[in-house]
PDB file of N, CA and C in Angstrom:
ATOM      1  N   MET A   1       0.763  -1.196   0.019  1.00  0.00           N
ATOM      2  CA  MET A   1       0.107  -0.079   0.161  1.00  0.00           C
ATOM      3  C   MET A   1       0.839   1.372   0.161  1.00  0.00           C
ATOM      4  N   LYS A   2       0.655   2.205  -0.733  1.00  0.00           N
ATOM      5  CA  LYS A   2       1.178   3.479  -1.178  1.00  0.00           C
ATOM      6  C   LYS A   2       0.509   4.612  -0.391  1.00  0.00           C
ATOM      7  N   ILE A   3       1.080   5.173   0.651  1.00  0.00           N
ATOM      8  CA  ILE A   3       0.448   6.258   1.154  1.00  0.00           C
ATOM      9  C   ILE A   3       1.234   7.719   1.105  1.00  0.00           C
ATOM     10  N   ASP A   4       0.504   8.691   0.579  1.00  0.00           N
ATOM     11  CA  ASP A   4       0.986   9.970   0.679  1.00  0.00           C
ATOM     12  C   ASP A   4       0.946  10.738   1.692  1.00  0.00           C
ATOM     13  N   LEU A   5       2.142  11.435   2.476  1.00  0.00           N
ATOM     14  CA  LEU A   5       2.052  12.030   3.300  1.00  0.00           C
ATOM     15  C   LEU A   5       1.827  13.813   2.973  1.00  0.00           C
ATOM     16  N   THR A   6       1.367  14.473   3.963  1.00  0.00           N
ATOM     17  CA  THR A   6       1.216  15.929   3.763  1.00  0.00           C
ATOM     18  C   THR A   6       2.655  16.474   3.860  1.00  0.00           C
ATOM     19  N   SER A   7       2.913  17.445   3.187  1.00  0.00           N
ATOM     20  CA  SER A   7       4.596  17.903   3.594  1.00  0.00           C
ATOM     21  C   SER A   7       4.781  18.237   5.044  1.00  0.00           C
ATOM     22  N   GLU A   8       3.710  18.572   5.977  1.00  0.00           N
ATOM     23  CA  GLU A   8       4.018  18.788   7.297  1.00  0.00           C
ATOM     24  C   GLU A   8       4.288  17.450   7.885  1.00  0.00           C
ATOM     25  N   GLN A   9       3.232  16.309   7.822  1.00  0.00           N
ATOM     26  CA  GLN A   9       3.731  14.988   8.207  1.00  0.00           C
ATOM     27  C   GLN A   9       5.046  14.499   7.752  1.00  0.00           C
ATOM     28  N   GLN A  10       5.550  14.769   6.292  1.00  0.00           N
ATOM     29  CA  GLN A  10       6.935  14.205   6.034  1.00  0.00           C
ATOM     30  C   GLN A  10       7.995  15.009   6.849  1.00  0.00           C
ATOM     31  N   ASP A  11       7.598  16.105   7.162  1.00  0.00           N
ATOM     32  CA  ASP A  11       8.707  17.102   7.890  1.00  0.00           C
ATOM     33  C   ASP A  11       8.843  16.462   9.323  1.00  0.00           C
ATOM     34  N   PHE A  12       7.590  16.147   9.914  1.00  0.00           N
ATOM     35  CA  PHE A  12       7.612  15.598  11.108  1.00  0.00           C
ATOM     36  C   PHE A  12       8.375  14.140  11.242  1.00  0.00           C
ATOM     37  N   VAL A  13       8.088  13.211  10.083  1.00  0.00           N
ATOM     38  CA  VAL A  13       8.788  12.088  10.115  1.00  0.00           C
ATOM     39  C   VAL A  13      10.353  12.275   9.746  1.00  0.00           C
ATOM     40  N   ARG A  14      10.788  13.253   8.913  1.00  0.00           N
ATOM     41  CA  ARG A  14      11.994  13.519   8.888  1.00  0.00           C
ATOM     42  C   ARG A  14      12.954  13.893  10.262  1.00  0.00           C
ATOM     43  N   GLN A  15      12.001  14.762  10.732  1.00  0.00           N
ATOM     44  CA  GLN A  15      12.973  14.985  12.120  1.00  0.00           C
ATOM     45  C   GLN A  15      13.042  14.149  13.045  1.00  0.00           C
ATOM     46  N   ALA A  16      11.822  13.224  13.251  1.00  0.00           N
ATOM     47  CA  ALA A  16      11.901  12.052  13.780  1.00  0.00           C
ATOM     48  C   ALA A  16      13.174  11.214  13.637  1.00  0.00           C
ATOM     49  N   VAL A  17      13.490  10.779  12.547  1.00  0.00           N
ATOM     50  CA  VAL A  17      14.469  10.140  11.925  1.00  0.00           C
ATOM     51  C   VAL A  17      15.800  10.922  12.055  1.00  0.00           C
ATOM     52  N   ALA A  18      16.093  12.227  11.902  1.00  0.00           N
ATOM     53  CA  ALA A  18      17.213  13.096  12.045  1.00  0.00           C
ATOM     54  C   ALA A  18      17.528  13.322  13.517  1.00  0.00           C
ATOM     55  N   SER A  19      16.605  12.967  14.284  1.00  0.00           N
ATOM     56  CA  SER A  19      16.835  13.074  15.802  1.00  0.00           C
ATOM     57  C   SER A  19      17.326  11.725  16.234  1.00  0.00           C
ATOM     58  N   GLY A  20      17.236  10.682  15.661  1.00  0.00           N
ATOM     59  CA  GLY A  20      17.627   9.321  16.129  1.00  0.00           C
ATOM     60  C   GLY A  20      16.609   8.593  16.662  1.00  0.00           C
ATOM     61  N   ARG A  21      15.451   9.312  16.699  1.00  0.00           N
ATOM     62  CA  ARG A  21      14.325   8.601  17.442  1.00  0.00           C
ATOM     63  C   ARG A  21      14.075   7.431  16.906  1.00  0.00           C
ATOM     64  N   PHE A  22      13.996   7.441  15.519  1.00  0.00           N
ATOM     65  CA  PHE A  22      13.810   6.417  14.444  1.00  0.00           C
ATOM     66  C   PHE A  22      14.614   6.066  13.623  1.00  0.00           C
ATOM     67  N   THR A  23      14.894   5.132  13.262  1.00  0.00           N
ATOM     68  CA  THR A  23      16.288   4.712  12.122  1.00  0.00           C
ATOM     69  C   THR A  23      15.465   4.758  10.611  1.00  0.00           C
ATOM     70  N   ARG A  24      14.286   4.702  10.471  1.00  0.00           N
ATOM     71  CA  ARG A  24      13.609   4.682   9.285  1.00  0.00           C
ATOM     72  C   ARG A  24      12.628   5.449   9.377  1.00  0.00           C
ATOM     73  N   PRO A  25      12.040   5.960   8.159  1.00  0.00           N
ATOM     74  CA  PRO A  25      10.745   6.609   7.970  1.00  0.00           C
ATOM     75  C   PRO A  25       9.340   5.650   8.429  1.00  0.00           C
ATOM     76  N   GLU A  26       9.679   4.521   7.706  1.00  0.00           N
ATOM     77  CA  GLU A  26       8.852   3.563   7.984  1.00  0.00           C
ATOM     78  C   GLU A  26       8.494   3.055   9.625  1.00  0.00           C
ATOM     79  N   ASP A  27       9.601   3.220  10.288  1.00  0.00           N
ATOM     80  CA  ASP A  27       9.504   3.017  11.841  1.00  0.00           C
ATOM     81  C   ASP A  27       8.612   4.060  12.498  1.00  0.00           C
ATOM     82  N   ALA A  28       8.570   5.383  11.972  1.00  0.00           N
ATOM     83  CA  ALA A  28       7.913   6.492  12.314  1.00  0.00           C
ATOM     84  C   ALA A  28       6.372   6.103  12.016  1.00  0.00           C
ATOM     85  N   VAL A  29       6.420   6.064  11.024  1.00  0.00           N
ATOM     86  CA  VAL A  29       4.853   5.683  10.581  1.00  0.00           C
ATOM     87  C   VAL A  29       4.178   4.596  11.446  1.00  0.00           C
ATOM     88  N   GLN A  30       4.954   3.361  11.256  1.00  0.00           N
ATOM     89  CA  GLN A  30       4.377   2.295  12.088  1.00  0.00           C
ATOM     90  C   GLN A  30       4.115   2.762  13.608  1.00  0.00           C
ATOM     91  N   ALA A  31       5.166   3.403  14.418  1.00  0.00           N
ATOM     92  CA  ALA A  31       4.829   3.808  15.717  1.00  0.00           C
ATOM     93  C   ALA A  31       3.209   4.615  15.617  1.00  0.00           C
ATOM     94  N   ALA A  32       3.214   5.512  14.557  1.00  0.00           N
ATOM     95  CA  ALA A  32       2.006   6.289  14.594  1.00  0.00           C
ATOM     96  C   ALA A  32       0.889   5.201  14.272  1.00  0.00           C
ATOM     97  N   MET A  33       0.901   4.567  13.512  1.00  0.00           N
ATOM     98  CA  MET A  33      -0.280   3.427  13.337  1.00  0.00           C
ATOM     99  C   MET A  33      -0.413   2.732  14.659  1.00  0.00           C
ATOM    100  N   ASP A  34       0.355   2.183  15.270  1.00  0.00           N
ATOM    101  CA  ASP A  34       0.229   1.478  16.585  1.00  0.00           C
ATOM    102  C   ASP A  34      -0.447   2.323  17.433  1.00  0.00           C
ATOM    103  N   LEU A  35      -0.338   3.733  17.684  1.00  0.00           N
ATOM    104  CA  LEU A  35      -1.044   4.705  18.700  1.00  0.00           C
ATOM    105  C   LEU A  35      -2.488   4.834  18.071  1.00  0.00           C
ATOM    106  N   TRP A  36      -2.608   5.062  16.791  1.00  0.00           N
ATOM    107  CA  TRP A  36      -4.015   5.059  16.309  1.00  0.00           C
ATOM    108  C   TRP A  36      -4.923   3.723  16.823  1.00  0.00           C
ATOM    109  N   ILE A  37      -4.124   2.664  16.340  1.00  0.00           N
ATOM    110  CA  ILE A  37      -5.087   1.514  16.878  1.00  0.00           C
ATOM    111  C   ILE A  37      -5.262   1.396  17.961  1.00  0.00           C
ATOM    112  N   GLU A  38      -4.310   1.346  19.105  1.00  0.00           N
ATOM    113  CA  GLU A  38      -4.608   1.465  20.388  1.00  0.00           C
ATOM    114  C   GLU A  38      -5.712   2.554  20.903  1.00  0.00           C
ATOM    115  N   ARG A  39      -5.634   3.794  20.135  1.00  0.00           N
ATOM    116  CA  ARG A  39      -6.474   4.841  20.660  1.00  0.00           C
ATOM    117  C   ARG A  39      -7.848   4.237  20.370  1.00  0.00           C
ATOM    118  N   GLU A  40      -7.973   3.613  19.040  1.00  0.00           N
ATOM    119  CA  GLU A  40      -9.367   3.116  18.430  1.00  0.00           C
ATOM    120  C   GLU A  40      -9.803   2.008  19.461  1.00  0.00           C
ATOM    121  N   ARG A  41      -8.791   1.202  19.705  1.00  0.00           N
ATOM    122  CA  ARG A  41      -9.397   0.102  20.671  1.00  0.00           C
ATOM    123  C   ARG A  41      -9.815   0.615  22.151  1.00  0.00           C
ATOM    124  N   ARG A  42      -9.440   1.467  22.659  1.00  0.00           N
ATOM    125  CA  ARG A  42      -9.910   2.399  23.974  1.00  0.00           C
ATOM    126  C   ARG A  42     -11.002   2.959  23.587  1.00  0.00           C
ATOM    127  N   ARG A  43     -11.116   3.786  22.321  1.00  0.00           N
ATOM    128  CA  ARG A  43     -12.556   4.198  22.066  1.00  0.00           C
ATOM    129  C   ARG A  43     -13.523   3.339  22.191  1.00  0.00           C
ATOM    130  N   SER A  44     -13.409   2.316  21.430  1.00  0.00           N
ATOM    131  CA  SER A  44     -14.378   1.123  21.325  1.00  0.00           C
ATOM    132  C   SER A  44     -14.671   0.631  22.901  1.00  0.00           C
ATOM    133  N   GLU A  45     -13.691   0.568  23.617  1.00  0.00           N
ATOM    134  CA  GLU A  45     -14.020  -0.104  24.985  1.00  0.00           C
ATOM    135  C   GLU A  45     -14.776   0.792  25.796  1.00  0.00           C
ATOM    136  N   ILE A  46     -14.769   2.272  25.587  1.00  0.00           N
ATOM    137  CA  ILE A  46     -15.491   3.286  26.329  1.00  0.00           C
ATOM    138  C   ILE A  46     -16.719   3.353  25.700  1.00  0.00           C
ATOM    139  N   LEU A  47     -16.856   3.125  24.482  1.00  0.00           N
ATOM    140  CA  LEU A  47     -18.240   3.196  23.817  1.00  0.00           C
ATOM    141  C   LEU A  47     -18.954   2.000  24.392  1.00  0.00           C
ATOM    142  N   VAL A  48     -18.436   0.855  24.461  1.00  0.00           N
ATOM    143  CA  VAL A  48     -19.284  -0.392  25.113  1.00  0.00           C
ATOM    144  C   VAL A  48     -19.806  -0.030  26.554  1.00  0.00           C
ATOM    145  N   ALA A  49     -18.818   0.346  27.269  1.00  0.00           N
ATOM    146  CA  ALA A  49     -18.890   0.861  28.590  1.00  0.00           C
ATOM    147  C   ALA A  49     -19.944   1.708  28.638  1.00  0.00           C
ATOM    148  N   VAL A  50     -20.037   2.575  27.981  1.00  0.00           N
ATOM    149  CA  VAL A  50     -21.340   3.775  28.079  1.00  0.00           C
ATOM    150  C   VAL A  50     -22.576   2.939  27.568  1.00  0.00           C
ATOM    151  N   ASP A  51     -22.668   2.313  26.494  1.00  0.00           N
ATOM    152  CA  ASP A  51     -23.769   1.248  26.107  1.00  0.00           C
ATOM    153  C   ASP A  51     -24.228   0.716  27.433  1.00  0.00           C
ATOM    154  N   LEU A  52     -23.354   0.008  27.905  1.00  0.00           N
ATOM    155  CA  LEU A  52     -23.706  -1.031  29.047  1.00  0.00           C
ATOM    156  C   LEU A  52     -24.340  -0.159  30.381  1.00  0.00           C
ATOM    157  N   ALA A  53     -23.695   1.121  30.247  1.00  0.00           N
ATOM    158  CA  ALA A  53     -24.245   1.784  31.591  1.00  0.00           C
ATOM    159  C   ALA A  53     -25.511   2.632  31.220  1.00  0.00           C
ATOM    160  N   LYS A  54     -25.672   2.734  30.083  1.00  0.00           N
ATOM    161  CA  LYS A  54     -26.979   3.177  29.564  1.00  0.00           C
ATOM    162  C   LYS A  54     -28.279   2.318  29.523  1.00  0.00           C
ATOM    163  N   ALA A  55     -27.492   1.007  29.434  1.00  0.00           N
ATOM    164  CA  ALA A  55     -28.646   0.108  29.482  1.00  0.00           C
ATOM    165  C   ALA A  55     -29.068  -0.333  31.080  1.00  0.00           C
ATOM    166  N   ALA A  56     -28.089  -0.216  31.777  1.00  0.00           N
ATOM    167  CA  ALA A  56     -28.355  -0.422  33.147  1.00  0.00           C
ATOM    168  C   ALA A  56     -29.160   0.512  33.736  1.00  0.00           C
ATOM    169  N   LEU A  57     -28.861   1.823  33.451  1.00  0.00           N
ATOM    170  CA  LEU A  57     -29.933   2.913  33.790  1.00  0.00           C
ATOM    171  C   LEU A  57     -31.137   2.537  33.277  1.00  0.00           C
ATOM    172  N   ASP A  58     -31.465   1.995  32.086  1.00  0.00           N
ATOM    173  CA  ASP A  58     -32.704   2.053  31.484  1.00  0.00           C
ATOM    174  C   ASP A  58     -33.437   1.015  32.246  1.00  0.00           C
ATOM    175  N   ARG A  59     -32.710   0.054  32.904  1.00  0.00           N
ATOM    176  CA  ARG A  59     -33.482  -1.094  33.688  1.00  0.00           C
ATOM    177  C   ARG A  59     -33.677  -0.479  35.051  1.00  0.00           C
ATOM    178  N   GLY A  60     -33.334   0.685  35.467  1.00  0.00           N
ATOM    179  CA  GLY A  60     -33.499   1.202  36.578  1.00  0.00           C
ATOM    180  C   GLY A  60     -32.531   0.820  37.767  1.00  0.00           C
ATOM    181  N   GLU A  61     -31.295   0.359  37.082  1.00  0.00           N
ATOM    182  CA  GLU A  61     -30.031   0.248  38.105  1.00  0.00           C
ATOM    183  C   GLU A  61     -29.370   1.441  38.053  1.00  0.00           C
ATOM    184  N   GLY A  62     -28.660   1.725  39.237  1.00  0.00           N
ATOM    185  CA  GLY A  62     -27.704   2.386  39.526  1.00  0.00           C
ATOM    186  C   GLY A  62     -28.149   3.745  40.432  1.00  0.00           C
ATOM    187  N   THR A  63     -27.407   4.819  40.657  1.00  0.00           N
ATOM    188  CA  THR A  63     -28.008   5.888  41.579  1.00  0.00           C
ATOM    189  C   THR A  63     -27.543   7.230  40.775  1.00  0.00           C
ATOM    190  N   GLU A  64     -28.461   8.191  40.794  1.00  0.00           N
ATOM    191  CA  GLU A  64     -28.378   9.653  40.209  1.00  0.00           C
ATOM    192  C   GLU A  64     -27.396  10.173  41.075  1.00  0.00           C
ATOM    193  N   ILE A  65     -26.298  10.792  40.663  1.00  0.00           N
ATOM    194  CA  ILE A  65     -25.390  11.634  41.264  1.00  0.00           C
ATOM    195  C   ILE A  65     -25.704  13.260  41.353  1.00  0.00           C
ATOM    196  N   THR A  66     -26.009  13.657  42.586  1.00  0.00           N
ATOM    197  CA  THR A  66     -26.543  15.056  42.810  1.00  0.00           C
ATOM    198  C   THR A  66     -25.428  15.692  43.733  1.00  0.00           C
ATOM    199  N   PHE A  67     -25.463  17.032  43.783  1.00  0.00           N
ATOM    200  CA  PHE A  67     -24.652  17.609  44.852  1.00  0.00           C
ATOM    201  C   PHE A  67     -24.838  16.970  46.058  1.00  0.00           C
ATOM    202  N   ASP A  68     -26.332  16.797  46.378  1.00  0.00           N
ATOM    203  CA  ASP A  68     -26.799  16.341  47.958  1.00  0.00           C
ATOM    204  C   ASP A  68     -26.284  14.986  48.065  1.00  0.00           C
ATOM    205  N   ALA A  69     -26.128  14.195  47.160  1.00  0.00           N
ATOM    206  CA  ALA A  69     -26.104  12.834  47.246  1.00  0.00           C
ATOM    207  C   ALA A  69     -24.187  12.865  47.485  1.00  0.00           C
ATOM    208  N   MET A  70     -23.498  13.426  46.818  1.00  0.00           N
ATOM    209  CA  MET A  70     -22.078  13.726  47.092  1.00  0.00           C
ATOM    210  C   MET A  70     -21.884  14.150  48.520  1.00  0.00           C
ATOM    211  N   ARG A  71     -22.524  15.017  48.915  1.00  0.00           N
ATOM    212  CA  ARG A  71     -22.356  15.727  50.326  1.00  0.00           C
ATOM    213  C   ARG A  71     -22.607  14.418  51.269  1.00  0.00           C
ATOM    214  N   GLU A  72     -23.825  13.887  51.118  1.00  0.00           N
ATOM    215  CA  GLU A  72     -24.105  12.873  52.064  1.00  0.00           C
ATOM    216  C   GLU A  72     -23.221  11.675  52.170  1.00  0.00           C
ATOM    217  N   LEU A  73     -22.584  11.326  50.906  1.00  0.00           N
ATOM    218  CA  LEU A  73     -21.647  10.315  50.886  1.00  0.00           C
ATOM    219  C   LEU A  73     -20.252  10.817  51.783  1.00  0.00           C
ATOM    220  N   ALA A  74     -19.936  12.073  51.418  1.00  0.00           N
ATOM    221  CA  ALA A  74     -18.882  12.613  52.298  1.00  0.00           C
ATOM    222  C   ALA A  74     -19.103  12.479  53.592  1.00  0.00           C
ATOM    223  N   GLU A  75     -20.194  13.022  54.089  1.00  0.00           N
ATOM    224  CA  GLU A  75     -20.364  12.927  55.608  1.00  0.00           C
ATOM    225  C   GLU A  75     -20.310  11.384  56.033  1.00  0.00           C
ATOM    226  N   GLU A  76     -21.220  10.492  55.089  1.00  0.00           N
ATOM    227  CA  GLU A  76     -20.911   8.880  55.641  1.00  0.00           C
ATOM    228  C   GLU A  76     -19.399   8.410  55.509  1.00  0.00           C
ATOM    229  N   ILE A  77     -18.719   8.927  54.816  1.00  0.00           N
ATOM    230  CA  ILE A  77     -17.290   8.571  54.724  1.00  0.00           C
ATOM    231  C   ILE A  77     -16.629   9.019  56.058  1.00  0.00           C
ATOM    232  N   LYS A  78     -16.650  10.206  56.299  1.00  0.00           N
ATOM    233  CA  LYS A  78     -16.368  11.007  57.768  1.00  0.00           C
ATOM    234  C   LYS A  78     -16.711  10.182  58.835  1.00  0.00           C
ATOM    235  N   ARG A  79     -18.073   9.973  59.113  1.00  0.00           N
ATOM    236  CA  ARG A  79     -18.485   9.284  60.142  1.00  0.00           C
ATOM    237  C   ARG A  79     -17.806   7.787  60.275  1.00  0.00           C
ATOM    238  N   ASN A  80     -17.894   7.242  59.125  1.00  0.00           N
ATOM    239  CA  ASN A  80     -17.043   5.855  59.076  1.00  0.00           C
ATOM    240  C   ASN A  80     -15.713   5.980  59.496  1.00  0.00           C
ATOM    241  N   GLY A  81     -15.062   6.979  59.042  1.00  0.00           N
ATOM    242  CA  GLY A  81     -13.482   7.213  59.297  1.00  0.00           C
ATOM    243  C   GLY A  81     -13.464   7.686  61.009  1.00  0.00           C
ATOM    244  N   ARG A  82     -14.315   8.475  61.450  1.00  0.00           N
ATOM    245  CA  ARG A  82     -14.321   8.727  62.912  1.00  0.00           C
ATOM    246  C   ARG A  82     -14.374   7.476  63.731  1.00  0.00           C
ATOM    247  N   THR A  83     -15.398   6.764  63.452  1.00  0.00           N
ATOM    248  CA  THR A  83     -15.659   5.422  64.090  1.00  0.00           C
ATOM    249  C   THR A  83     -14.660   4.521  63.970  1.00  0.00           C
ATOM    250  N   GLN A  84     -13.714   4.335  63.159  1.00  0.00           N
ATOM    251  CA  GLN A  84     -12.716   3.807  62.889  1.00  0.00           C
ATOM    252  C   GLN A  84     -11.573   4.228  63.832  1.00  0.00           C
ATOM    253  N   VAL A  85     -11.246   5.325  63.514  1.00  0.00           N
ATOM    254  CA  VAL A  85     -10.286   5.998  64.538  1.00  0.00           C
ATOM    255  C   VAL A  85     -10.608   5.930  65.847  1.00  0.00           C
ATOM    256  N   SER A  86     -11.881   6.055  66.311  1.00  0.00           N
ATOM    257  CA  SER A  86     -12.143   5.864  67.622  1.00  0.00           C
ATOM    258  C   SER A  86     -11.934   4.538  68.155  1.00  0.00           C
ATOM    259  N   ALA A  87     -12.441   3.520  67.306  1.00  0.00           N
ATOM    260  CA  ALA A  87     -12.011   2.099  67.813  1.00  0.00           C
ATOM    261  C   ALA A  87     -10.932   1.648  67.935  1.00  0.00           C
ATOM    262  N   GLU A  88      -9.900   2.243  66.993  1.00  0.00           N
ATOM    263  CA  GLU A  88      -8.386   1.945  67.107  1.00  0.00           C
ATOM    264  C   GLU A  88      -7.705   2.771  68.356  1.00  0.00           C
ATOM    265  N   HIS A  89      -8.204   3.879  68.535  1.00  0.00           N
ATOM    266  CA  HIS A  89      -7.891   4.483  69.733  1.00  0.00           C
ATOM    267  C   HIS A  89      -8.292   3.775  71.075  1.00  0.00           C
ATOM    268  N   LEU A  90      -9.476   3.109  71.073  1.00  0.00           N
ATOM    269  CA  LEU A  90      -9.867   2.432  72.062  1.00  0.00           C
ATOM    270  C   LEU A  90      -9.091   1.150  72.286  1.00  0.00           C
ATOM    271  N   ALA A  91      -8.557   0.579  71.351  1.00  0.00           N
ATOM    272  CA  ALA A  91      -7.742  -0.774  71.368  1.00  0.00           C
ATOM    273  C   ALA A  91      -6.416  -0.477  71.641  1.00  0.00           C
ATOM    274  N   VAL A  92      -5.946   0.676  71.562  1.00  0.00           N
ATOM    275  CA  VAL A  92      -4.394   0.897  71.919  1.00  0.00           C
ATOM    276  C   VAL A  92      -4.597   1.309  73.284  1.00  0.00           C
ATOM    277  N   ASP A  93      -5.593   1.952  73.894  1.00  0.00           N
ATOM    278  CA  ASP A  93      -5.747   2.331  75.396  1.00  0.00           C
ATOM    279  C   ASP A  93      -5.756   1.028  76.197  1.00  0.00           C
TER     280      ASP A  93
END
């Protein structure tokens, strides 16, 4: 397969080879393709996760996150932390 790069892309590849980062232009292009493939895999995984989350919400699963819910969660964590610290303090005494 023959690919034509823009002049900007060609300059970028030349600089990568000239700097010693890659030994051949083909290596630079292969590295770019590898990154693109990995990014597309991650994108697909994220889209699948979003679809699964939407389906769960449609089934009535999950919890709506609101400012009040976050404040309540923070208070619960503080209470649990205080209880744990108090229990550890009593165990040491």
